[in-house]
Amino acid sequence: MSGDVSWALHRDITLWAGSSYALYSVDAFTGEERDRVRTYSIGLKWKVSKGSSIDVRFMLEDNSVGTFRVFDFGFRHAF
């Protein structure tokens, strides 16, 4: 189960926030199964030119193993 909302701060800048919950999840890197996974995330997308954007995202995951924090920063260009 998940949900998110987004706000247009400017015509080129969008802020979003969301949350999700899963009874179990499989870690893509280790293959380990985790129970009761709750994830919170917030992000910002800045459209710098036609077809190009900068994305920033922070995620907080709480599960049966512990609490994990992930910060992503990326540049995207669509051809």
PDB file of N, CA and C in Angstrom:
ATOM      1  N   MET A   1       0.841  -1.139   0.000  1.00  0.00           N
ATOM      2  CA  MET A   1       0.000   0.000   0.000  1.00  0.00           C
ATOM      3  C   MET A   1       0.905   1.225   0.000  1.00  0.00           C
ATOM      4  N   SER A   2       0.573   2.219  -0.819  1.00  0.00           N
ATOM      5  CA  SER A   2       1.400   3.420  -0.870  1.00  0.00           C
ATOM      6  C   SER A   2       0.578   4.621  -1.314  1.00  0.00           C
ATOM      7  N   GLY A   3       1.142   5.772  -1.128  1.00  0.00           N
ATOM      8  CA  GLY A   3       0.510   7.002  -1.572  1.00  0.00           C
ATOM      9  C   GLY A   3       1.526   8.120  -1.608  1.00  0.00           C
ATOM     10  N   ASP A   4       1.276   9.101  -2.457  1.00  0.00           N
ATOM     11  CA  ASP A   4       2.156  10.258  -2.494  1.00  0.00           C
ATOM     12  C   ASP A   4       1.387  11.476  -2.982  1.00  0.00           C
ATOM     13  N   VAL A   5       1.946  12.630  -2.711  1.00  0.00           N
ATOM     14  CA  VAL A   5       1.383  13.903  -3.160  1.00  0.00           C
ATOM     15  C   VAL A   5       2.507  14.722  -3.770  1.00  0.00           C
ATOM     16  N   SER A   6       2.148  15.625  -4.663  1.00  0.00           N
ATOM     17  CA  SER A   6       3.158  16.497  -5.258  1.00  0.00           C
ATOM     18  C   SER A   6       2.626  17.926  -5.329  1.00  0.00           C
ATOM     19  N   TRP A   7       3.557  18.875  -5.272  1.00  0.00           N
ATOM     20  CA  TRP A   7       3.220  20.292  -5.335  1.00  0.00           C
ATOM     21  C   TRP A   7       4.096  20.943  -6.391  1.00  0.00           C
ATOM     22  N   ALA A   8       3.484  21.736  -7.258  1.00  0.00           N
ATOM     23  CA  ALA A   8       4.237  22.511  -8.243  1.00  0.00           C
ATOM     24  C   ALA A   8       4.642  23.822  -7.574  1.00  0.00           C
ATOM     25  N   LEU A   9       5.909  23.949  -7.197  1.00  0.00           N
ATOM     26  CA  LEU A   9       6.403  25.155  -6.545  1.00  0.00           C
ATOM     27  C   LEU A   9       6.648  26.275  -7.547  1.00  0.00           C
ATOM     28  N   HIS A  10       6.956  25.879  -8.754  1.00  0.00           N
ATOM     29  CA  HIS A  10       7.262  26.786  -9.862  1.00  0.00           C
ATOM     30  C   HIS A  10       6.957  25.977 -11.117  1.00  0.00           C
ATOM     31  N   ARG A  11       6.879  26.591 -12.258  1.00  0.00           N
ATOM     32  CA  ARG A  11       6.557  25.803 -13.467  1.00  0.00           C
ATOM     33  C   ARG A  11       7.612  24.743 -13.771  1.00  0.00           C
ATOM     34  N   ASP A  12       8.843  24.931 -13.263  1.00  0.00           N
ATOM     35  CA  ASP A  12       9.923  23.979 -13.520  1.00  0.00           C
ATOM     36  C   ASP A  12      10.352  23.182 -12.293  1.00  0.00           C
ATOM     37  N   ILE A  13       9.730  23.417 -11.132  1.00  0.00           N
ATOM     38  CA  ILE A  13      10.142  22.756  -9.890  1.00  0.00           C
ATOM     39  C   ILE A  13       8.943  22.070  -9.243  1.00  0.00           C
ATOM     40  N   THR A  14       9.094  20.768  -8.969  1.00  0.00           N
ATOM     41  CA  THR A  14       8.043  19.990  -8.325  1.00  0.00           C
ATOM     42  C   THR A  14       8.604  19.324  -7.074  1.00  0.00           C
ATOM     43  N   LEU A  15       7.886  19.459  -5.974  1.00  0.00           N
ATOM     44  CA  LEU A  15       8.223  18.818  -4.709  1.00  0.00           C
ATOM     45  C   LEU A  15       7.216  17.706  -4.475  1.00  0.00           C
ATOM     46  N   TRP A  16       7.675  16.551  -4.013  1.00  0.00           N
ATOM     47  CA  TRP A  16       6.748  15.451  -3.745  1.00  0.00           C
ATOM     48  C   TRP A  16       7.147  14.734  -2.452  1.00  0.00           C
ATOM     49  N   ALA A  17       6.161  14.081  -1.857  1.00  0.00           N
ATOM     50  CA  ALA A  17       6.385  13.299  -0.639  1.00  0.00           C
ATOM     51  C   ALA A  17       5.473  12.083  -0.687  1.00  0.00           C
ATOM     52  N   GLY A  18       5.929  10.986  -0.100  1.00  0.00           N
ATOM     53  CA  GLY A  18       5.126   9.773  -0.127  1.00  0.00           C
ATOM     54  C   GLY A  18       5.510   8.803   0.967  1.00  0.00           C
ATOM     55  N   SER A  19       4.688   7.772   1.095  1.00  0.00           N
ATOM     56  CA  SER A  19       4.918   6.732   2.083  1.00  0.00           C
ATOM     57  C   SER A  19       4.384   5.419   1.529  1.00  0.00           C
ATOM     58  N   SER A  20       5.008   4.310   1.937  1.00  0.00           N
ATOM     59  CA  SER A  20       4.516   2.997   1.521  1.00  0.00           C
ATOM     60  C   SER A  20       4.722   1.997   2.657  1.00  0.00           C
ATOM     61  N   TYR A  21       3.934   0.924   2.612  1.00  0.00           N
ATOM     62  CA  TYR A  21       4.031  -0.139   3.609  1.00  0.00           C
ATOM     63  C   TYR A  21       3.899  -1.477   2.902  1.00  0.00           C
ATOM     64  N   ALA A  22       4.718  -2.445   3.293  1.00  0.00           N
ATOM     65  CA  ALA A  22       4.635  -3.807   2.752  1.00  0.00           C
ATOM     66  C   ALA A  22       4.851  -4.793   3.892  1.00  0.00           C
ATOM     67  N   LEU A  23       4.091  -5.874   3.883  1.00  0.00           N
ATOM     68  CA  LEU A  23       4.276  -6.902   4.910  1.00  0.00           C
ATOM     69  C   LEU A  23       5.639  -7.548   4.810  1.00  0.00           C
ATOM     70  N   TYR A  24       6.162  -7.671   3.573  1.00  0.00           N
ATOM     71  CA  TYR A  24       7.524  -8.161   3.387  1.00  0.00           C
ATOM     72  C   TYR A  24       8.076  -7.586   2.089  1.00  0.00           C
ATOM     73  N   SER A  25       9.389  -7.556   2.007  1.00  0.00           N
ATOM     74  CA  SER A  25      10.076  -7.050   0.828  1.00  0.00           C
ATOM     75  C   SER A  25      11.382  -7.821   0.677  1.00  0.00           C
ATOM     76  N   VAL A  26      11.842  -7.983  -0.547  1.00  0.00           N
ATOM     77  CA  VAL A  26      13.116  -8.654  -0.814  1.00  0.00           C
ATOM     78  C   VAL A  26      14.131  -7.598  -1.222  1.00  0.00           C
ATOM     79  N   ASP A  27      15.263  -7.548  -0.517  1.00  0.00           N
ATOM     80  CA  ASP A  27      16.328  -6.598  -0.814  1.00  0.00           C
ATOM     81  C   ASP A  27      16.941  -6.955  -2.164  1.00  0.00           C
ATOM     82  N   ALA A  28      17.009  -6.000  -3.073  1.00  0.00           N
ATOM     83  CA  ALA A  28      17.508  -6.244  -4.424  1.00  0.00           C
ATOM     84  C   ALA A  28      18.995  -6.589  -4.457  1.00  0.00           C
ATOM     85  N   PHE A  29      19.769  -6.105  -3.485  1.00  0.00           N
ATOM     86  CA  PHE A  29      21.215  -6.350  -3.485  1.00  0.00           C
ATOM     87  C   PHE A  29      21.599  -7.642  -2.785  1.00  0.00           C
ATOM     88  N   THR A  30      20.968  -7.934  -1.631  1.00  0.00           N
ATOM     89  CA  THR A  30      21.368  -9.100  -0.847  1.00  0.00           C
ATOM     90  C   THR A  30      20.449 -10.295  -1.025  1.00  0.00           C
ATOM     91  N   GLY A  31      19.229 -10.058  -1.501  1.00  0.00           N
ATOM     92  CA  GLY A  31      18.265 -11.142  -1.648  1.00  0.00           C
ATOM     93  C   GLY A  31      17.574 -11.505  -0.340  1.00  0.00           C
ATOM     94  N   GLU A  32      17.859 -10.763   0.735  1.00  0.00           N
ATOM     95  CA  GLU A  32      17.248 -11.033   2.034  1.00  0.00           C
ATOM     96  C   GLU A  32      15.804 -10.547   2.065  1.00  0.00           C
ATOM     97  N   GLU A  33      14.976 -11.288   2.776  1.00  0.00           N
ATOM     98  CA  GLU A  33      13.583 -10.910   2.943  1.00  0.00           C
ATOM     99  C   GLU A  33      13.439 -10.101   4.225  1.00  0.00           C
ATOM    100  N   ARG A  34      12.729  -8.993   4.132  1.00  0.00           N
ATOM    101  CA  ARG A  34      12.498  -8.139   5.298  1.00  0.00           C
ATOM    102  C   ARG A  34      11.005  -8.034   5.550  1.00  0.00           C
ATOM    103  N   ASP A  35      10.639  -8.000   6.832  1.00  0.00           N
ATOM    104  CA  ASP A  35       9.234  -7.943   7.225  1.00  0.00           C
ATOM    105  C   ASP A  35       8.850  -6.538   7.668  1.00  0.00           C
ATOM    106  N   ARG A  36       7.563  -6.248   7.530  1.00  0.00           N
ATOM    107  CA  ARG A  36       6.970  -4.988   7.993  1.00  0.00           C
ATOM    108  C   ARG A  36       7.806  -3.784   7.550  1.00  0.00           C
ATOM    109  N   VAL A  37       7.833  -3.548   6.263  1.00  0.00           N
ATOM    110  CA  VAL A  37       8.666  -2.498   5.684  1.00  0.00           C
ATOM    111  C   VAL A  37       7.851  -1.222   5.493  1.00  0.00           C
ATOM    112  N   ARG A  38       8.233  -0.163   6.179  1.00  0.00           N
ATOM    113  CA  ARG A  38       7.608   1.157   6.048  1.00  0.00           C
ATOM    114  C   ARG A  38       8.645   2.089   5.449  1.00  0.00           C
ATOM    115  N   THR A  39       8.278   2.783   4.369  1.00  0.00           N
ATOM    116  CA  THR A  39       9.187   3.698   3.693  1.00  0.00           C
ATOM    117  C   THR A  39       8.557   5.076   3.596  1.00  0.00           C
ATOM    118  N   TYR A  40       9.330   6.091   3.941  1.00  0.00           N
ATOM    119  CA  TYR A  40       8.932   7.488   3.774  1.00  0.00           C
ATOM    120  C   TYR A  40       9.910   8.110   2.778  1.00  0.00           C
ATOM    121  N   SER A  41       9.402   8.949   1.887  1.00  0.00           N
ATOM    122  CA  SER A  41      10.297   9.574   0.914  1.00  0.00           C
ATOM    123  C   SER A  41       9.839  10.990   0.600  1.00  0.00           C
ATOM    124  N   ILE A  42      10.815  11.807   0.242  1.00  0.00           N
ATOM    125  CA  ILE A  42      10.559  13.181  -0.176  1.00  0.00           C
ATOM    126  C   ILE A  42      11.542  13.483  -1.305  1.00  0.00           C
ATOM    127  N   GLY A  43      11.094  14.255  -2.282  1.00  0.00           N
ATOM    128  CA  GLY A  43      11.966  14.529  -3.406  1.00  0.00           C
ATOM    129  C   GLY A  43      11.653  15.851  -4.081  1.00  0.00           C
ATOM    130  N   LEU A  44      12.568  16.262  -4.925  1.00  0.00           N
ATOM    131  CA  LEU A  44      12.448  17.504  -5.669  1.00  0.00           C
ATOM    132  C   LEU A  44      12.916  17.248  -7.095  1.00  0.00           C
ATOM    133  N   LYS A  45      12.140  17.720  -8.062  1.00  0.00           N
ATOM    134  CA  LYS A  45      12.527  17.592  -9.468  1.00  0.00           C
ATOM    135  C   LYS A  45      12.584  18.994 -10.065  1.00  0.00           C
ATOM    136  N   TRP A  46      13.729  19.317 -10.659  1.00  0.00           N
ATOM    137  CA  TRP A  46      13.942  20.626 -11.255  1.00  0.00           C
ATOM    138  C   TRP A  46      14.193  20.424 -12.745  1.00  0.00           C
ATOM    139  N   LYS A  47      13.294  20.949 -13.566  1.00  0.00           N
ATOM    140  CA  LYS A  47      13.421  20.853 -15.018  1.00  0.00           C
ATOM    141  C   LYS A  47      14.349  21.977 -15.478  1.00  0.00           C
ATOM    142  N   VAL A  48      15.593  21.618 -15.854  1.00  0.00           N
ATOM    143  CA  VAL A  48      16.595  22.633 -16.193  1.00  0.00           C
ATOM    144  C   VAL A  48      16.545  23.058 -17.648  1.00  0.00           C
ATOM    145  N   SER A  49      16.065  22.198 -18.534  1.00  0.00           N
ATOM    146  CA  SER A  49      15.889  22.533 -19.942  1.00  0.00           C
ATOM    147  C   SER A  49      14.927  21.512 -20.546  1.00  0.00           C
ATOM    148  N   LYS A  50      14.575  21.690 -21.802  1.00  0.00           N
ATOM    149  CA  LYS A  50      13.668  20.756 -22.453  1.00  0.00           C
ATOM    150  C   LYS A  50      14.311  19.367 -22.497  1.00  0.00           C
ATOM    151  N   GLY A  51      13.672  18.406 -21.824  1.00  0.00           N
ATOM    152  CA  GLY A  51      14.166  17.040 -21.807  1.00  0.00           C
ATOM    153  C   GLY A  51      15.192  16.736 -20.730  1.00  0.00           C
ATOM    154  N   SER A  52      15.643  17.741 -19.959  1.00  0.00           N
ATOM    155  CA  SER A  52      16.652  17.519 -18.910  1.00  0.00           C
ATOM    156  C   SER A  52      16.113  17.952 -17.549  1.00  0.00           C
ATOM    157  N   SER A  53      16.453  17.161 -16.533  1.00  0.00           N
ATOM    158  CA  SER A  53      16.023  17.509 -15.175  1.00  0.00           C
ATOM    159  C   SER A  53      17.037  17.010 -14.154  1.00  0.00           C
ATOM    160  N   ILE A  54      17.016  17.648 -12.998  1.00  0.00           N
ATOM    161  CA  ILE A  54      17.816  17.240 -11.851  1.00  0.00           C
ATOM    162  C   ILE A  54      16.842  16.729 -10.802  1.00  0.00           C
ATOM    163  N   ASP A  55      17.106  15.533 -10.272  1.00  0.00           N
ATOM    164  CA  ASP A  55      16.246  14.901  -9.284  1.00  0.00           C
ATOM    165  C   ASP A  55      17.020  14.681  -7.991  1.00  0.00           C
ATOM    166  N   VAL A  56      16.378  15.003  -6.868  1.00  0.00           N
ATOM    167  CA  VAL A  56      16.947  14.772  -5.546  1.00  0.00           C
ATOM    168  C   VAL A  56      15.886  14.030  -4.740  1.00  0.00           C
ATOM    169  N   ARG A  57      16.297  12.959  -4.036  1.00  0.00           N
ATOM    170  CA  ARG A  57      15.340  12.169  -3.259  1.00  0.00           C
ATOM    171  C   ARG A  57      15.988  11.680  -1.970  1.00  0.00           C
ATOM    172  N   PHE A  58      15.215  11.737  -0.873  1.00  0.00           N
ATOM    173  CA  PHE A  58      15.638  11.184   0.405  1.00  0.00           C
ATOM    174  C   PHE A  58      14.603  10.147   0.820  1.00  0.00           C
ATOM    175  N   MET A  59      15.070   8.946   1.189  1.00  0.00           N
ATOM    176  CA  MET A  59      14.180   7.876   1.635  1.00  0.00           C
ATOM    177  C   MET A  59      14.604   7.384   3.009  1.00  0.00           C
ATOM    178  N   LEU A  60      13.615   7.117   3.834  1.00  0.00           N
ATOM    179  CA  LEU A  60      13.830   6.537   5.156  1.00  0.00           C
ATOM    180  C   LEU A  60      13.035   5.243   5.199  1.00  0.00           C
ATOM    181  N   GLU A  61      13.731   4.109   5.400  1.00  0.00           N
ATOM    182  CA  GLU A  61      13.068   2.802   5.446  1.00  0.00           C
ATOM    183  C   GLU A  61      13.227   2.210   6.835  1.00  0.00           C
ATOM    184  N   ASP A  62      12.108   1.806   7.411  1.00  0.00           N
ATOM    185  CA  ASP A  62      12.100   1.172   8.725  1.00  0.00           C
ATOM    186  C   ASP A  62      11.540  -0.235   8.537  1.00  0.00           C
ATOM    187  N   ASN A  63      12.297  -1.251   8.958  1.00  0.00           N
ATOM    188  CA  ASN A  63      11.832  -2.628   8.807  1.00  0.00           C
ATOM    189  C   ASN A  63      12.285  -3.462   9.999  1.00  0.00           C
ATOM    190  N   SER A  64      12.077  -4.770   9.936  1.00  0.00           N
ATOM    191  CA  SER A  64      12.396  -5.656  11.058  1.00  0.00           C
ATOM    192  C   SER A  64      13.896  -5.747  11.341  1.00  0.00           C
ATOM    193  N   VAL A  65      14.741  -5.398  10.377  1.00  0.00           N
ATOM    194  CA  VAL A  65      16.190  -5.454  10.554  1.00  0.00           C
ATOM    195  C   VAL A  65      16.715  -4.169  11.197  1.00  0.00           C
ATOM    196  N   GLY A  66      16.172  -3.027  10.788  1.00  0.00           N
ATOM    197  CA  GLY A  66      16.641  -1.740  11.294  1.00  0.00           C
ATOM    198  C   GLY A  66      16.083  -0.589  10.486  1.00  0.00           C
ATOM    199  N   THR A  67      16.719   0.556  10.627  1.00  0.00           N
ATOM    200  CA  THR A  67      16.315   1.761   9.904  1.00  0.00           C
ATOM    201  C   THR A  67      17.429   2.151   8.941  1.00  0.00           C
ATOM    202  N   PHE A  68      17.048   2.440   7.702  1.00  0.00           N
ATOM    203  CA  PHE A  68      18.015   2.780   6.666  1.00  0.00           C
ATOM    204  C   PHE A  68      17.648   4.120   6.046  1.00  0.00           C
ATOM    205  N   ARG A  69      18.660   4.895   5.680  1.00  0.00           N
ATOM    206  CA  ARG A  69      18.481   6.178   5.025  1.00  0.00           C
ATOM    207  C   ARG A  69      19.206   6.152   3.689  1.00  0.00           C
ATOM    208  N   VAL A  70      18.542   6.667   2.649  1.00  0.00           N
ATOM    209  CA  VAL A  70      19.127   6.695   1.311  1.00  0.00           C
ATOM    210  C   VAL A  70      18.933   8.100   0.742  1.00  0.00           C
ATOM    211  N   PHE A  71      20.001   8.666   0.187  1.00  0.00           N
ATOM    212  CA  PHE A  71      19.936   9.959  -0.479  1.00  0.00           C
ATOM    213  C   PHE A  71      20.361   9.756  -1.922  1.00  0.00           C
ATOM    214  N   ASP A  72      19.492  10.127  -2.863  1.00  0.00           N
ATOM    215  CA  ASP A  72      19.789   9.996  -4.293  1.00  0.00           C
ATOM    216  C   ASP A  72      19.844  11.376  -4.930  1.00  0.00           C
ATOM    217  N   PHE A  73      20.791  11.539  -5.840  1.00  0.00           N
ATOM    218  CA  PHE A  73      20.898  12.752  -6.624  1.00  0.00           C
ATOM    219  C   PHE A  73      21.155  12.313  -8.046  1.00  0.00           C
ATOM    220  N   GLY A  74      20.391  12.849  -8.999  1.00  0.00           N
ATOM    221  CA  GLY A  74      20.584  12.396 -10.360  1.00  0.00           C
ATOM    222  C   GLY A  74      20.278  13.461 -11.404  1.00  0.00           C
ATOM    223  N   PHE A  75      20.807  13.235 -12.580  1.00  0.00           N
ATOM    224  CA  PHE A  75      20.547  14.080 -13.734  1.00  0.00           C
ATOM    225  C   PHE A  75      19.928  13.182 -14.801  1.00  0.00           C
ATOM    226  N   ARG A  76      18.837  13.640 -15.388  1.00  0.00           N
ATOM    227  CA  ARG A  76      18.164  12.861 -16.425  1.00  0.00           C
ATOM    228  C   ARG A  76      18.052  13.679 -17.702  1.00  0.00           C
ATOM    229  N   HIS A  77      18.238  12.994 -18.827  1.00  0.00           N
ATOM    230  CA  HIS A  77      18.033  13.630 -20.125  1.00  0.00           C
ATOM    231  C   HIS A  77      17.286  12.663 -21.028  1.00  0.00           C
ATOM    232  N   ALA A  78      16.158  13.110 -21.552  1.00  0.00           N
ATOM    233  CA  ALA A  78      15.361  12.288 -22.465  1.00  0.00           C
ATOM    234  C   ALA A  78      15.680  12.708 -23.901  1.00  0.00           C
ATOM    235  N   PHE A  79      15.984  11.736 -24.721  1.00  0.00           N
ATOM    236  CA  PHE A  79      16.332  12.013 -26.119  1.00  0.00           C
ATOM    237  C   PHE A  79      15.102  12.033 -26.979  1.00  0.00           C
TER     238      PHE A  79
END
